[in-house]
PDB file of N, CA and C in Angstrom:
ATOM      1  N   UNK A   1     276.047 176.998 314.545  1.00  0.00           N
ATOM      2  CA  UNK A   1     275.321 178.084 313.856  1.00  0.00           C
ATOM      3  C   UNK A   1     275.550 179.397 314.640  1.00  0.00           C
ATOM      4  N   UNK A   2     275.881 179.214 315.909  1.00  0.00           N
ATOM      5  CA  UNK A   2     276.165 180.486 316.742  1.00  0.00           C
ATOM      6  C   UNK A   2     277.377 181.258 316.136  1.00  0.00           C
ATOM      7  N   UNK A   3     278.508 180.506 315.858  1.00  0.00           N
ATOM      8  CA  UNK A   3     279.670 181.165 315.390  1.00  0.00           C
ATOM      9  C   UNK A   3     279.370 181.821 313.971  1.00  0.00           C
ATOM     10  N   UNK A   4     278.661 181.104 313.186  1.00  0.00           N
ATOM     11  CA  UNK A   4     278.276 181.590 311.795  1.00  0.00           C
ATOM     12  C   UNK A   4     277.603 182.972 311.989  1.00  0.00           C
ATOM     13  N   UNK A   5     276.729 183.102 312.992  1.00  0.00           N
ATOM     14  CA  UNK A   5     275.975 184.317 313.137  1.00  0.00           C
ATOM     15  C   UNK A   5     276.979 185.453 313.336  1.00  0.00           C
ATOM     16  N   UNK A   6     278.006 185.137 314.257  1.00  0.00           N
ATOM     17  CA  UNK A   6     278.967 186.250 314.511  1.00  0.00           C
ATOM     18  C   UNK A   6     279.719 186.575 313.247  1.00  0.00           C
ATOM     19  N   UNK A   7     280.091 185.600 312.480  1.00  0.00           N
ATOM     20  CA  UNK A   7     280.861 185.800 311.280  1.00  0.00           C
ATOM     21  C   UNK A   7     280.076 186.704 310.302  1.00  0.00           C
ATOM     22  N   UNK A   8     278.789 186.329 310.141  1.00  0.00           N
ATOM     23  CA  UNK A   8     277.850 187.100 309.276  1.00  0.00           C
ATOM     24  C   UNK A   8     277.771 188.533 309.751  1.00  0.00           C
ATOM     25  N   UNK A   9     277.651 188.712 311.033  1.00  0.00           N
ATOM     26  CA  UNK A   9     277.628 190.100 311.551  1.00  0.00           C
ATOM     27  C   UNK A   9     278.869 190.863 311.230  1.00  0.00           C
ATOM     28  N   UNK A  10     280.025 190.306 311.422  1.00  0.00           N
ATOM     29  CA  UNK A  10     281.204 191.068 311.116  1.00  0.00           C
ATOM     30  C   UNK A  10     281.348 191.263 309.631  1.00  0.00           C
ATOM     31  N   UNK A  11     280.995 190.274 308.745  1.00  0.00           N
ATOM     32  CA  UNK A  11     281.075 190.391 307.332  1.00  0.00           C
ATOM     33  C   UNK A  11     280.169 191.545 306.877  1.00  0.00           C
ATOM     34  N   UNK A  12     278.972 191.566 307.416  1.00  0.00           N
ATOM     35  CA  UNK A  12     278.006 192.622 307.016  1.00  0.00           C
ATOM     36  C   UNK A  12     278.567 193.887 307.433  1.00  0.00           C
ATOM     37  N   UNK A  13     279.232 194.049 308.598  1.00  0.00           N
ATOM     38  CA  UNK A  13     279.812 195.278 309.079  1.00  0.00           C
ATOM     39  C   UNK A  13     280.799 195.758 308.069  1.00  0.00           C
ATOM     40  N   UNK A  14     281.615 194.827 307.505  1.00  0.00           N
ATOM     41  CA  UNK A  14     282.762 195.293 306.601  1.00  0.00           C
ATOM     42  C   UNK A  14     282.055 195.856 305.324  1.00  0.00           C
ATOM     43  N   UNK A  15     280.995 195.179 304.869  1.00  0.00           N
ATOM     44  CA  UNK A  15     280.376 195.592 303.676  1.00  0.00           C
ATOM     45  C   UNK A  15     279.735 196.929 303.868  1.00  0.00           C
ATOM     46  N   UNK A  16     279.079 197.194 304.976  1.00  0.00           N
ATOM     47  CA  UNK A  16     278.379 198.459 305.276  1.00  0.00           C
ATOM     48  C   UNK A  16     279.435 199.512 305.536  1.00  0.00           C
ATOM     49  N   UNK A  17     280.621 199.135 306.100  1.00  0.00           N
ATOM     50  CA  UNK A  17     281.682 200.092 306.440  1.00  0.00           C
ATOM     51  C   UNK A  17     282.279 200.509 305.041  1.00  0.00           C
ATOM     52  N   UNK A  18     282.047 199.704 304.022  1.00  0.00           N
ATOM     53  CA  UNK A  18     282.644 199.987 302.722  1.00  0.00           C
ATOM     54  C   UNK A  18     282.113 201.381 302.370  1.00  0.00           C
TER      55      UNK A  18
END
């Protein structure tokens, strides 16, 4: 679940950076 948290953080960053 630790890795998933990192992935979610980067994914959210891309969406916000949109």
